[in-house]
Amino acid sequence: MKRMVVGAALLAAAPFAAQAQTPLQPGGFYIGVEGGANWMFNTSFTSTLTVPPFGSASTNSNLSFNTGWLAGGTVGYDFVGPRVEVEGVYRENTGTLTVGGFGGSAGATFNQISVMGNIYYDFLAGSAIVPYVGAGAGVAFLNLGALGNTQQSTQFAYQAMLGVGYNIDSTFRLNLEGRYYSCRVQEQGQRPHHGDRPHRHVGPGGLQHGAVAASRERGEGRPGA
């Protein structure tokens, strides 16, 4: 069944790729899987600490994250040079929230699901070694948990990619890729009780809870059949 579906996709792609097909990169529809490591920038922000019945006080807080992980998948179309794809990725990081002035700290967990539309360009398409660049944009569903509170948000996200692919044969390709991925967490309203409430962004491309810089290795299915 897989050969039948992929074969039909390649037949439909013939008018677009017939002049550029090569033995190692025939073009057409492809699917892929990916996984790797995820790093987040540490960040500082102003927090409001509310402790009934004593009232509220502002203090500087810091969020630092450990190395996290990611896993996802892609569905795309290869024009033998340009490629377009839709990507879904889950990312997760754990870390520490330190509330300045109070000497306290707590564990924090940040996870997100992103759905992105990407466009790539393969240099030396059809060769065994294929350098490439890419960019993408989409939506991220964010979830931050700390101090017994959970903040959820849906935000715009964007990314830039740089990598090199190895065409194992006409069916499989392995990519090694680094990327910068960014989105913003914005919280509306104020939480009661000991909740941290960021008041400002930190730097360009930053997050109120830390900017995601996801440099990763990625292995994905080879375009075509």
N, C-alpha and C. Protein backbone atom coordinates (compact mmCIF):
# COMPACT_ATOMS: atom_id res chain seq x y z
N MET A 1 0.83 -1.20 0.00
CA MET A 1 0.00 0.00 0.00
C MET A 1 0.86 1.26 0.00
N LYS A 2 1.99 1.22 0.73
CA LYS A 2 2.86 2.38 0.75
C LYS A 2 3.41 2.68 -0.64
N ARG A 3 3.82 1.65 -1.36
CA ARG A 3 4.37 1.88 -2.69
C ARG A 3 3.32 2.43 -3.64
N MET A 4 2.09 1.95 -3.48
CA MET A 4 1.02 2.43 -4.35
C MET A 4 0.76 3.91 -4.10
N VAL A 5 0.69 4.31 -2.82
CA VAL A 5 0.40 5.70 -2.49
C VAL A 5 1.53 6.61 -2.95
N VAL A 6 2.78 6.22 -2.66
CA VAL A 6 3.91 7.04 -3.05
C VAL A 6 4.05 7.10 -4.56
N GLY A 7 3.80 5.98 -5.23
CA GLY A 7 3.88 5.96 -6.68
C GLY A 7 2.88 6.90 -7.31
N ALA A 8 1.68 6.95 -6.77
CA ALA A 8 0.66 7.87 -7.28
C ALA A 8 1.09 9.31 -7.08
N ALA A 9 1.74 9.59 -5.93
CA ALA A 9 2.20 10.94 -5.64
C ALA A 9 3.29 11.35 -6.63
N LEU A 10 4.18 10.44 -6.95
CA LEU A 10 5.25 10.75 -7.89
C LEU A 10 4.71 10.95 -9.29
N LEU A 11 3.70 10.19 -9.67
CA LEU A 11 3.10 10.36 -10.98
C LEU A 11 2.45 11.73 -11.09
N ALA A 12 1.76 12.15 -10.03
CA ALA A 12 1.14 13.48 -10.03
C ALA A 12 2.19 14.57 -10.05
N ALA A 13 3.38 14.28 -9.52
CA ALA A 13 4.43 15.31 -9.46
C ALA A 13 5.21 15.43 -10.76
N ALA A 14 5.02 14.52 -11.67
CA ALA A 14 5.84 14.48 -12.88
C ALA A 14 5.88 15.81 -13.64
N PRO A 15 4.76 16.52 -13.85
CA PRO A 15 4.84 17.77 -14.61
C PRO A 15 5.73 18.82 -13.95
N PHE A 16 5.89 18.74 -12.60
CA PHE A 16 6.67 19.74 -11.90
C PHE A 16 8.14 19.37 -11.83
N ALA A 17 8.44 18.07 -11.77
CA ALA A 17 9.80 17.65 -11.46
C ALA A 17 10.47 16.83 -12.56
N ALA A 18 9.80 16.64 -13.67
CA ALA A 18 10.33 15.74 -14.69
C ALA A 18 11.69 16.18 -15.21
N GLN A 19 11.93 17.50 -15.25
CA GLN A 19 13.18 17.99 -15.81
C GLN A 19 14.32 17.97 -14.80
N ALA A 20 13.98 17.72 -13.52
CA ALA A 20 15.00 17.85 -12.49
C ALA A 20 15.22 16.57 -11.70
N GLN A 21 14.54 15.49 -12.02
CA GLN A 21 14.66 14.27 -11.25
C GLN A 21 16.07 13.70 -11.35
N THR A 22 16.53 13.13 -10.25
CA THR A 22 17.81 12.46 -10.19
C THR A 22 17.62 11.13 -9.47
N PRO A 23 18.53 10.17 -9.65
CA PRO A 23 18.37 8.87 -9.00
C PRO A 23 18.27 8.95 -7.48
N LEU A 24 18.99 9.91 -6.85
CA LEU A 24 18.98 10.00 -5.40
C LEU A 24 17.90 10.93 -4.86
N GLN A 25 17.25 11.70 -5.70
CA GLN A 25 16.24 12.63 -5.23
C GLN A 25 15.15 12.79 -6.28
N PRO A 26 14.25 11.81 -6.37
CA PRO A 26 13.26 11.83 -7.44
C PRO A 26 12.17 12.88 -7.26
N GLY A 27 12.04 13.46 -6.07
CA GLY A 27 10.99 14.45 -5.85
C GLY A 27 9.66 13.81 -5.50
N GLY A 28 8.69 14.67 -5.19
CA GLY A 28 7.37 14.19 -4.83
C GLY A 28 7.08 14.34 -3.35
N PHE A 29 6.00 13.72 -2.90
CA PHE A 29 5.60 13.78 -1.50
C PHE A 29 6.53 12.97 -0.62
N TYR A 30 6.69 13.41 0.62
CA TYR A 30 7.50 12.66 1.58
C TYR A 30 6.95 12.85 2.99
N ILE A 31 7.31 11.95 3.86
CA ILE A 31 7.02 12.06 5.29
C ILE A 31 8.32 11.94 6.05
N GLY A 32 8.36 12.45 7.27
CA GLY A 32 9.58 12.40 8.05
C GLY A 32 9.29 12.38 9.54
N VAL A 33 10.25 11.92 10.31
CA VAL A 33 10.22 11.99 11.77
C VAL A 33 11.47 12.72 12.22
N GLU A 34 11.38 13.36 13.39
CA GLU A 34 12.51 14.13 13.88
C GLU A 34 12.56 14.08 15.40
N GLY A 35 13.75 14.27 15.93
CA GLY A 35 13.96 14.31 17.36
C GLY A 35 15.29 14.94 17.66
N GLY A 36 15.48 15.42 18.89
CA GLY A 36 16.74 16.05 19.24
C GLY A 36 16.68 16.78 20.55
N ALA A 37 17.62 17.71 20.74
CA ALA A 37 17.76 18.46 21.98
C ALA A 37 17.25 19.88 21.79
N ASN A 38 16.82 20.48 22.91
CA ASN A 38 16.20 21.79 22.88
C ASN A 38 16.80 22.64 24.00
N TRP A 39 17.35 23.82 23.65
CA TRP A 39 17.92 24.72 24.64
C TRP A 39 17.09 25.99 24.73
N MET A 40 16.91 26.51 25.94
CA MET A 40 16.19 27.76 26.14
C MET A 40 17.10 28.78 26.82
N PHE A 41 16.99 30.04 26.43
CA PHE A 41 17.73 31.11 27.09
C PHE A 41 17.15 31.33 28.49
N ASN A 42 18.02 31.59 29.46
CA ASN A 42 17.56 32.01 30.78
C ASN A 42 17.06 33.45 30.69
N THR A 43 16.16 33.83 31.60
CA THR A 43 15.59 35.17 31.53
C THR A 43 15.25 35.68 32.91
N SER A 44 15.19 37.01 33.03
CA SER A 44 14.81 37.69 34.27
C SER A 44 13.61 38.57 33.99
N PHE A 45 12.76 38.76 34.99
CA PHE A 45 11.57 39.59 34.81
C PHE A 45 11.10 40.07 36.17
N THR A 46 10.22 41.06 36.16
CA THR A 46 9.63 41.59 37.38
C THR A 46 8.38 40.79 37.73
N SER A 47 8.29 40.34 38.98
CA SER A 47 7.15 39.54 39.42
C SER A 47 6.38 40.26 40.51
N THR A 48 5.10 39.95 40.60
CA THR A 48 4.27 40.42 41.70
C THR A 48 3.94 39.24 42.59
N LEU A 49 4.37 39.31 43.84
CA LEU A 49 4.15 38.23 44.80
C LEU A 49 3.03 38.67 45.74
N THR A 50 1.95 37.92 45.78
CA THR A 50 0.79 38.24 46.60
C THR A 50 0.62 37.19 47.68
N VAL A 51 0.66 37.60 48.94
CA VAL A 51 0.50 36.67 50.07
C VAL A 51 -0.59 37.22 50.99
N PRO A 52 -1.84 36.74 50.83
CA PRO A 52 -2.90 37.22 51.72
C PRO A 52 -2.58 36.81 53.17
N PRO A 53 -2.87 37.62 54.19
CA PRO A 53 -3.51 38.95 54.09
C PRO A 53 -2.50 40.08 54.10
N PHE A 54 -1.23 39.79 53.76
CA PHE A 54 -0.17 40.80 53.90
C PHE A 54 -0.05 41.71 52.69
N GLY A 55 -0.71 41.39 51.59
CA GLY A 55 -0.65 42.24 50.43
C GLY A 55 0.33 41.74 49.38
N SER A 56 0.77 42.66 48.49
CA SER A 56 1.60 42.30 47.35
C SER A 56 2.92 43.08 47.38
N ALA A 57 3.90 42.49 46.73
CA ALA A 57 5.20 43.15 46.61
C ALA A 57 5.82 42.75 45.28
N SER A 58 6.58 43.67 44.67
CA SER A 58 7.25 43.40 43.40
C SER A 58 8.69 42.98 43.67
N THR A 59 9.18 42.06 42.87
CA THR A 59 10.55 41.58 43.02
C THR A 59 11.05 41.07 41.68
N ASN A 60 12.36 41.00 41.53
CA ASN A 60 12.95 40.44 40.32
C ASN A 60 13.04 38.93 40.45
N SER A 61 12.63 38.24 39.42
CA SER A 61 12.68 36.78 39.41
C SER A 61 13.48 36.29 38.21
N ASN A 62 13.97 35.07 38.31
CA ASN A 62 14.78 34.48 37.25
C ASN A 62 14.27 33.09 36.91
N LEU A 63 14.27 32.78 35.63
CA LEU A 63 13.94 31.44 35.15
C LEU A 63 15.14 30.88 34.42
N SER A 64 15.60 29.72 34.84
CA SER A 64 16.69 29.03 34.15
C SER A 64 16.22 27.63 33.80
N PHE A 65 16.57 27.18 32.59
CA PHE A 65 16.07 25.91 32.10
C PHE A 65 17.21 24.93 31.81
N ASN A 66 16.91 23.67 32.02
CA ASN A 66 17.82 22.60 31.65
C ASN A 66 17.67 22.27 30.17
N THR A 67 18.61 21.49 29.64
CA THR A 67 18.48 21.00 28.27
C THR A 67 17.24 20.12 28.16
N GLY A 68 16.41 20.39 27.18
CA GLY A 68 15.18 19.63 26.99
C GLY A 68 15.25 18.74 25.75
N TRP A 69 14.10 18.26 25.37
CA TRP A 69 14.03 17.35 24.23
C TRP A 69 12.85 17.72 23.35
N LEU A 70 12.86 17.20 22.14
CA LEU A 70 11.76 17.44 21.21
C LEU A 70 11.56 16.22 20.33
N ALA A 71 10.35 16.08 19.83
CA ALA A 71 10.02 15.00 18.90
C ALA A 71 8.88 15.49 18.03
N GLY A 72 8.89 15.06 16.77
CA GLY A 72 7.84 15.52 15.87
C GLY A 72 7.85 14.79 14.55
N GLY A 73 7.06 15.31 13.63
CA GLY A 73 6.95 14.70 12.32
C GLY A 73 6.62 15.74 11.26
N THR A 74 6.84 15.38 10.00
CA THR A 74 6.61 16.29 8.89
C THR A 74 5.92 15.57 7.73
N VAL A 75 5.19 16.35 6.95
CA VAL A 75 4.64 15.91 5.67
C VAL A 75 4.99 17.01 4.67
N GLY A 76 5.64 16.64 3.57
CA GLY A 76 6.09 17.68 2.65
C GLY A 76 6.05 17.26 1.19
N TYR A 77 6.48 18.20 0.36
CA TYR A 77 6.56 17.97 -1.08
C TYR A 77 7.89 18.52 -1.57
N ASP A 78 8.64 17.69 -2.29
CA ASP A 78 9.96 18.04 -2.78
C ASP A 78 9.89 18.36 -4.27
N PHE A 79 10.26 19.61 -4.63
CA PHE A 79 10.33 20.01 -6.03
C PHE A 79 11.73 19.79 -6.62
N VAL A 80 12.59 19.10 -5.88
CA VAL A 80 13.98 18.85 -6.24
C VAL A 80 14.73 20.19 -6.30
N GLY A 81 14.98 20.70 -5.14
CA GLY A 81 15.56 22.03 -4.92
C GLY A 81 14.74 22.69 -3.84
N PRO A 82 13.65 23.35 -4.22
CA PRO A 82 12.73 23.85 -3.19
C PRO A 82 11.94 22.69 -2.57
N ARG A 83 11.62 22.81 -1.28
CA ARG A 83 10.74 21.88 -0.59
C ARG A 83 9.79 22.68 0.29
N VAL A 84 8.57 22.21 0.43
CA VAL A 84 7.61 22.80 1.37
C VAL A 84 7.07 21.68 2.24
N GLU A 85 6.76 22.03 3.51
CA GLU A 85 6.26 21.00 4.41
C GLU A 85 5.45 21.60 5.54
N VAL A 86 4.63 20.75 6.15
CA VAL A 86 3.92 21.06 7.39
C VAL A 86 4.55 20.21 8.49
N GLU A 87 4.84 20.84 9.62
CA GLU A 87 5.59 20.19 10.70
C GLU A 87 4.84 20.33 12.02
N GLY A 88 4.78 19.26 12.79
CA GLY A 88 4.27 19.29 14.14
C GLY A 88 5.34 18.81 15.11
N VAL A 89 5.61 19.59 16.19
CA VAL A 89 6.69 19.26 17.12
C VAL A 89 6.23 19.48 18.55
N TYR A 90 6.62 18.55 19.43
CA TYR A 90 6.43 18.72 20.88
C TYR A 90 7.78 18.99 21.51
N ARG A 91 7.87 20.04 22.34
CA ARG A 91 9.10 20.38 23.06
C ARG A 91 8.83 20.43 24.55
N GLU A 92 9.82 20.02 25.35
CA GLU A 92 9.66 20.08 26.80
C GLU A 92 10.99 20.40 27.47
N ASN A 93 10.93 21.33 28.43
CA ASN A 93 12.09 21.69 29.25
C ASN A 93 11.67 21.80 30.71
N THR A 94 12.54 21.41 31.61
CA THR A 94 12.35 21.65 33.03
C THR A 94 13.39 22.67 33.49
N GLY A 95 13.12 23.34 34.61
CA GLY A 95 14.05 24.34 35.07
C GLY A 95 13.74 24.78 36.49
N THR A 96 14.25 25.96 36.85
CA THR A 96 14.11 26.50 38.20
C THR A 96 13.67 27.95 38.14
N LEU A 97 12.65 28.29 38.91
CA LEU A 97 12.21 29.67 39.08
C LEU A 97 12.73 30.16 40.42
N THR A 98 13.52 31.24 40.41
CA THR A 98 14.06 31.83 41.62
C THR A 98 13.42 33.19 41.83
N VAL A 99 12.77 33.37 42.99
CA VAL A 99 12.10 34.62 43.30
C VAL A 99 13.05 35.49 44.11
N GLY A 100 13.55 36.56 43.52
CA GLY A 100 14.53 37.41 44.16
C GLY A 100 13.96 38.14 45.37
N GLY A 101 14.80 38.34 46.38
CA GLY A 101 14.39 39.07 47.57
C GLY A 101 13.71 38.22 48.61
N PHE A 102 13.27 37.01 48.21
CA PHE A 102 12.59 36.14 49.15
C PHE A 102 13.38 34.86 49.42
N GLY A 103 14.46 34.69 48.64
CA GLY A 103 15.33 33.54 48.86
C GLY A 103 14.68 32.21 48.54
N GLY A 104 13.63 32.22 47.75
CA GLY A 104 12.93 30.98 47.44
C GLY A 104 13.11 30.57 45.99
N SER A 105 12.97 29.29 45.73
CA SER A 105 13.03 28.79 44.37
C SER A 105 12.08 27.61 44.24
N ALA A 106 11.69 27.31 43.02
CA ALA A 106 10.75 26.22 42.77
C ALA A 106 11.02 25.66 41.39
N GLY A 107 10.63 24.43 41.19
CA GLY A 107 10.76 23.82 39.88
C GLY A 107 9.77 24.40 38.89
N ALA A 108 10.14 24.40 37.63
CA ALA A 108 9.28 24.90 36.56
C ALA A 108 9.33 23.92 35.39
N THR A 109 8.22 23.81 34.70
CA THR A 109 8.14 22.96 33.52
C THR A 109 7.53 23.77 32.38
N PHE A 110 8.17 23.73 31.23
CA PHE A 110 7.69 24.45 30.07
C PHE A 110 7.58 23.47 28.91
N ASN A 111 6.37 23.30 28.38
CA ASN A 111 6.21 22.46 27.20
C ASN A 111 5.33 23.16 26.19
N GLN A 112 5.48 22.75 24.95
CA GLN A 112 4.73 23.39 23.89
C GLN A 112 4.56 22.45 22.70
N ILE A 113 3.49 22.67 21.99
CA ILE A 113 3.22 21.98 20.74
C ILE A 113 3.14 23.04 19.65
N SER A 114 3.97 22.90 18.62
CA SER A 114 3.98 23.88 17.54
C SER A 114 3.56 23.21 16.23
N VAL A 115 2.81 23.94 15.44
CA VAL A 115 2.41 23.52 14.09
C VAL A 115 2.93 24.59 13.13
N MET A 116 3.87 24.20 12.27
CA MET A 116 4.59 25.16 11.45
C MET A 116 4.47 24.83 9.96
N GLY A 117 4.45 25.86 9.15
CA GLY A 117 4.61 25.72 7.71
C GLY A 117 6.02 26.13 7.34
N ASN A 118 6.79 25.24 6.71
CA ASN A 118 8.20 25.48 6.41
C ASN A 118 8.47 25.48 4.92
N ILE A 119 9.48 26.24 4.51
CA ILE A 119 9.97 26.19 3.15
C ILE A 119 11.49 26.04 3.20
N TYR A 120 12.03 25.14 2.37
CA TYR A 120 13.45 24.84 2.34
C TYR A 120 13.99 25.02 0.93
N TYR A 121 15.30 25.17 0.86
CA TYR A 121 15.96 25.08 -0.44
C TYR A 121 17.18 24.17 -0.30
N ASP A 122 17.21 23.09 -1.10
CA ASP A 122 18.32 22.15 -1.12
C ASP A 122 19.35 22.59 -2.16
N PHE A 123 20.57 22.82 -1.71
CA PHE A 123 21.67 23.07 -2.63
C PHE A 123 22.25 21.72 -3.07
N LEU A 124 22.65 21.63 -4.32
CA LEU A 124 23.18 20.37 -4.87
C LEU A 124 22.14 19.26 -4.75
N ALA A 125 20.87 19.59 -5.01
CA ALA A 125 19.80 18.60 -4.91
C ALA A 125 20.09 17.40 -5.80
N GLY A 126 19.93 16.22 -5.26
CA GLY A 126 20.20 15.00 -5.98
C GLY A 126 21.56 14.42 -5.70
N SER A 127 22.44 15.18 -5.06
CA SER A 127 23.75 14.66 -4.69
C SER A 127 23.63 13.81 -3.43
N ALA A 128 24.70 13.11 -3.10
CA ALA A 128 24.69 12.33 -1.86
C ALA A 128 24.65 13.25 -0.65
N ILE A 129 25.40 14.35 -0.67
CA ILE A 129 25.42 15.33 0.42
C ILE A 129 24.71 16.59 -0.06
N VAL A 130 23.69 17.03 0.70
CA VAL A 130 22.83 18.13 0.27
C VAL A 130 22.73 19.19 1.39
N PRO A 131 23.51 20.28 1.31
CA PRO A 131 23.30 21.38 2.26
C PRO A 131 21.96 22.06 1.98
N TYR A 132 21.35 22.62 3.01
CA TYR A 132 20.06 23.30 2.80
C TYR A 132 19.84 24.38 3.85
N VAL A 133 18.94 25.31 3.51
CA VAL A 133 18.49 26.36 4.43
C VAL A 133 16.97 26.35 4.43
N GLY A 134 16.37 26.91 5.48
CA GLY A 134 14.92 26.94 5.54
C GLY A 134 14.41 27.97 6.52
N ALA A 135 13.12 28.25 6.43
CA ALA A 135 12.46 29.16 7.35
C ALA A 135 11.02 28.71 7.49
N GLY A 136 10.40 29.06 8.61
CA GLY A 136 9.02 28.64 8.83
C GLY A 136 8.30 29.56 9.80
N ALA A 137 6.98 29.46 9.80
CA ALA A 137 6.15 30.24 10.70
C ALA A 137 4.89 29.43 11.00
N GLY A 138 4.29 29.71 12.15
CA GLY A 138 3.09 28.98 12.50
C GLY A 138 2.57 29.38 13.87
N VAL A 139 1.99 28.43 14.57
CA VAL A 139 1.36 28.69 15.86
C VAL A 139 1.92 27.74 16.89
N ALA A 140 2.06 28.22 18.14
CA ALA A 140 2.58 27.41 19.24
C ALA A 140 1.57 27.43 20.38
N PHE A 141 1.31 26.27 20.96
CA PHE A 141 0.44 26.11 22.12
C PHE A 141 1.34 25.87 23.32
N LEU A 142 1.40 26.85 24.24
CA LEU A 142 2.39 26.87 25.31
C LEU A 142 1.76 26.54 26.65
N ASN A 143 2.57 25.93 27.51
CA ASN A 143 2.11 25.56 28.85
C ASN A 143 3.29 25.71 29.81
N LEU A 144 3.20 26.65 30.75
CA LEU A 144 4.24 26.87 31.75
C LEU A 144 3.67 26.60 33.13
N GLY A 145 4.34 25.73 33.90
CA GLY A 145 3.92 25.43 35.26
C GLY A 145 5.01 25.77 36.25
N ALA A 146 4.65 26.55 37.30
CA ALA A 146 5.60 26.91 38.36
C ALA A 146 4.81 27.40 39.57
N LEU A 147 5.33 27.15 40.77
CA LEU A 147 4.73 27.62 42.01
C LEU A 147 3.27 27.22 42.14
N GLY A 148 2.95 26.04 41.65
CA GLY A 148 1.59 25.55 41.76
C GLY A 148 0.61 26.16 40.79
N ASN A 149 1.07 27.01 39.89
CA ASN A 149 0.21 27.64 38.90
C ASN A 149 0.57 27.16 37.51
N THR A 150 -0.40 27.22 36.62
CA THR A 150 -0.18 26.85 35.23
C THR A 150 -0.65 27.98 34.33
N GLN A 151 0.21 28.37 33.41
CA GLN A 151 -0.14 29.41 32.44
C GLN A 151 -0.16 28.79 31.05
N GLN A 152 -1.27 28.97 30.34
CA GLN A 152 -1.40 28.45 28.99
C GLN A 152 -1.61 29.61 28.02
N SER A 153 -1.08 29.47 26.82
CA SER A 153 -1.15 30.55 25.86
C SER A 153 -1.01 29.98 24.45
N THR A 154 -1.59 30.66 23.48
CA THR A 154 -1.42 30.32 22.07
C THR A 154 -0.78 31.52 21.38
N GLN A 155 0.39 31.30 20.74
CA GLN A 155 1.16 32.42 20.22
C GLN A 155 1.70 32.14 18.83
N PHE A 156 2.03 33.21 18.13
CA PHE A 156 2.73 33.12 16.85
C PHE A 156 4.16 32.64 17.09
N ALA A 157 4.67 31.79 16.20
CA ALA A 157 6.04 31.28 16.31
C ALA A 157 6.71 31.33 14.95
N TYR A 158 8.04 31.45 14.96
CA TYR A 158 8.80 31.44 13.71
C TYR A 158 10.13 30.76 13.95
N GLN A 159 10.79 30.36 12.87
CA GLN A 159 12.04 29.63 13.00
C GLN A 159 12.88 29.78 11.73
N ALA A 160 14.19 29.56 11.89
CA ALA A 160 15.14 29.54 10.77
C ALA A 160 15.99 28.29 10.91
N MET A 161 16.27 27.61 9.81
CA MET A 161 16.96 26.32 9.83
C MET A 161 18.19 26.34 8.92
N LEU A 162 19.21 25.59 9.33
CA LEU A 162 20.42 25.40 8.54
C LEU A 162 20.87 23.96 8.77
N GLY A 163 21.08 23.22 7.68
CA GLY A 163 21.43 21.82 7.87
C GLY A 163 22.09 21.20 6.65
N VAL A 164 22.38 19.93 6.79
CA VAL A 164 22.94 19.15 5.69
C VAL A 164 22.28 17.78 5.69
N GLY A 165 21.90 17.32 4.52
CA GLY A 165 21.25 16.03 4.38
C GLY A 165 22.15 15.02 3.70
N TYR A 166 21.92 13.77 4.02
CA TYR A 166 22.64 12.66 3.39
C TYR A 166 21.63 11.75 2.73
N ASN A 167 21.65 11.70 1.38
CA ASN A 167 20.76 10.82 0.64
C ASN A 167 21.32 9.39 0.69
N ILE A 168 20.76 8.58 1.56
CA ILE A 168 21.23 7.20 1.69
C ILE A 168 20.95 6.44 0.40
N ASP A 169 19.75 6.60 -0.13
CA ASP A 169 19.37 6.06 -1.43
C ASP A 169 18.19 6.88 -1.92
N SER A 170 17.46 6.39 -2.90
CA SER A 170 16.34 7.17 -3.44
C SER A 170 15.12 7.16 -2.53
N THR A 171 15.15 6.40 -1.43
CA THR A 171 14.01 6.28 -0.53
C THR A 171 14.23 6.99 0.79
N PHE A 172 15.47 6.97 1.31
CA PHE A 172 15.72 7.49 2.65
C PHE A 172 16.77 8.59 2.64
N ARG A 173 16.54 9.57 3.51
CA ARG A 173 17.48 10.67 3.70
C ARG A 173 17.59 10.98 5.19
N LEU A 174 18.80 11.28 5.63
CA LEU A 174 19.07 11.64 7.02
C LEU A 174 19.57 13.08 7.07
N ASN A 175 18.95 13.91 7.90
CA ASN A 175 19.33 15.31 8.02
C ASN A 175 19.95 15.60 9.39
N LEU A 176 20.98 16.40 9.40
CA LEU A 176 21.56 16.96 10.63
C LEU A 176 21.31 18.46 10.58
N GLU A 177 20.56 18.98 11.54
CA GLU A 177 20.04 20.34 11.42
C GLU A 177 20.13 21.10 12.72
N GLY A 178 20.44 22.39 12.61
CA GLY A 178 20.33 23.31 13.73
C GLY A 178 19.31 24.37 13.38
N ARG A 179 18.58 24.83 14.39
CA ARG A 179 17.58 25.86 14.11
C ARG A 179 17.41 26.81 15.30
N TYR A 180 16.99 28.01 14.97
CA TYR A 180 16.56 28.98 15.98
C TYR A 180 15.05 29.06 15.91
N TYR A 181 14.40 28.83 17.03
CA TYR A 181 12.94 28.83 17.11
C TYR A 181 12.53 29.82 18.19
N SER A 182 11.52 30.64 17.94
CA SER A 182 11.14 31.67 18.90
C SER A 182 9.64 31.90 18.90
N CYS A 183 9.12 32.18 20.09
CA CYS A 183 7.74 32.64 20.27
C CYS A 183 7.68 33.44 21.55
N ARG A 184 6.56 34.04 21.85
CA ARG A 184 6.44 34.89 23.03
C ARG A 184 5.30 34.39 23.91
N VAL A 185 5.55 34.45 25.21
CA VAL A 185 4.51 34.14 26.18
C VAL A 185 3.98 35.45 26.72
N GLN A 186 2.69 35.67 26.61
CA GLN A 186 2.08 36.87 27.15
C GLN A 186 0.92 36.47 28.04
N GLU A 187 0.94 36.97 29.23
CA GLU A 187 -0.11 36.62 30.19
C GLU A 187 -1.05 37.79 30.38
N GLN A 188 -2.33 37.52 30.34
CA GLN A 188 -3.34 38.54 30.55
C GLN A 188 -3.87 38.44 31.98
N GLY A 189 -4.04 39.61 32.61
CA GLY A 189 -4.61 39.60 33.94
C GLY A 189 -3.59 39.26 35.01
N GLN A 190 -4.03 39.19 36.26
CA GLN A 190 -3.16 38.94 37.40
C GLN A 190 -3.70 37.77 38.19
N ARG A 191 -2.81 36.86 38.57
CA ARG A 191 -3.22 35.71 39.35
C ARG A 191 -3.18 36.04 40.83
N PRO A 192 -4.11 35.57 41.60
CA PRO A 192 -4.02 35.73 43.04
C PRO A 192 -3.00 34.77 43.63
N HIS A 193 -2.54 35.08 44.82
CA HIS A 193 -1.63 34.23 45.57
C HIS A 193 -0.29 34.09 44.87
N HIS A 194 0.75 33.92 45.48
CA HIS A 194 2.13 33.67 45.12
C HIS A 194 2.40 33.33 43.66
N GLY A 195 1.71 33.91 42.67
CA GLY A 195 1.99 33.61 41.27
C GLY A 195 2.95 34.64 40.69
N ASP A 196 3.90 34.18 39.88
CA ASP A 196 4.80 35.14 39.25
C ASP A 196 4.11 35.72 38.03
N ARG A 197 4.18 37.03 37.89
CA ARG A 197 3.53 37.70 36.76
C ARG A 197 4.55 38.56 36.04
N PRO A 198 5.10 38.11 34.91
CA PRO A 198 6.06 38.92 34.16
C PRO A 198 5.43 40.21 33.66
N HIS A 199 6.24 41.27 33.62
CA HIS A 199 5.74 42.56 33.18
C HIS A 199 6.39 43.05 31.90
N ARG A 200 7.45 42.40 31.43
CA ARG A 200 8.13 42.93 30.26
C ARG A 200 8.82 41.81 29.50
N HIS A 201 9.04 42.07 28.21
CA HIS A 201 9.84 41.17 27.40
C HIS A 201 11.31 41.45 27.67
N VAL A 202 12.13 40.47 27.44
CA VAL A 202 13.57 40.62 27.66
C VAL A 202 14.30 40.40 26.35
N GLY A 203 14.67 41.47 25.67
CA GLY A 203 15.47 41.36 24.47
C GLY A 203 14.67 40.97 23.25
N PRO A 204 15.24 41.17 22.07
CA PRO A 204 14.55 40.81 20.84
C PRO A 204 14.38 39.31 20.73
N GLY A 205 13.22 38.89 20.27
CA GLY A 205 12.97 37.47 20.11
C GLY A 205 12.89 36.74 21.43
N GLY A 206 12.73 37.49 22.53
CA GLY A 206 12.75 36.86 23.84
C GLY A 206 11.39 36.38 24.27
N LEU A 207 11.38 35.62 25.33
CA LEU A 207 10.14 35.21 25.96
C LEU A 207 10.08 35.86 27.33
N GLN A 208 8.90 36.15 27.79
CA GLN A 208 8.78 36.57 29.17
C GLN A 208 9.21 35.45 30.10
N HIS A 209 9.10 34.24 29.63
CA HIS A 209 9.55 33.09 30.42
C HIS A 209 10.78 32.44 29.80
N GLY A 210 11.49 33.15 28.93
CA GLY A 210 12.71 32.60 28.33
C GLY A 210 12.54 32.42 26.83
N ALA A 211 13.54 32.75 26.07
CA ALA A 211 13.46 32.58 24.62
C ALA A 211 13.94 31.20 24.25
N VAL A 212 13.21 30.55 23.38
CA VAL A 212 13.58 29.21 22.97
C VAL A 212 14.59 29.29 21.84
N ALA A 213 15.75 28.72 22.04
CA ALA A 213 16.73 28.59 20.96
C ALA A 213 16.97 27.11 20.77
N ALA A 214 16.27 26.52 19.85
CA ALA A 214 16.28 25.07 19.72
C ALA A 214 17.27 24.65 18.65
N SER A 215 18.46 24.34 19.07
CA SER A 215 19.45 23.79 18.15
C SER A 215 19.39 22.29 18.27
N ARG A 216 19.24 21.59 17.17
CA ARG A 216 18.94 20.19 17.31
C ARG A 216 19.46 19.36 16.17
N GLU A 217 19.55 18.07 16.41
CA GLU A 217 19.80 17.13 15.36
C GLU A 217 18.46 16.58 14.92
N ARG A 218 18.31 16.39 13.61
CA ARG A 218 17.03 15.93 13.11
C ARG A 218 17.22 14.81 12.13
N GLY A 219 16.54 13.69 12.35
CA GLY A 219 16.52 12.62 11.36
C GLY A 219 15.14 12.52 10.77
N GLU A 220 15.01 12.61 9.45
CA GLU A 220 13.68 12.58 8.86
C GLU A 220 13.65 11.65 7.67
N GLY A 221 12.47 11.19 7.31
CA GLY A 221 12.30 10.30 6.18
C GLY A 221 12.70 10.97 4.88
N ARG A 222 13.25 10.23 4.01
CA ARG A 222 13.72 10.74 2.72
C ARG A 222 12.55 11.09 1.82
N PRO A 223 12.52 12.31 1.18
CA PRO A 223 11.47 12.62 0.23
C PRO A 223 11.44 11.62 -0.92
N GLY A 224 10.26 11.39 -1.41
CA GLY A 224 10.10 10.54 -2.58
C GLY A 224 9.99 9.08 -2.22
N ALA A 225 10.08 8.22 -3.25
CA ALA A 225 9.91 6.80 -3.02
C ALA A 225 11.18 6.07 -3.38
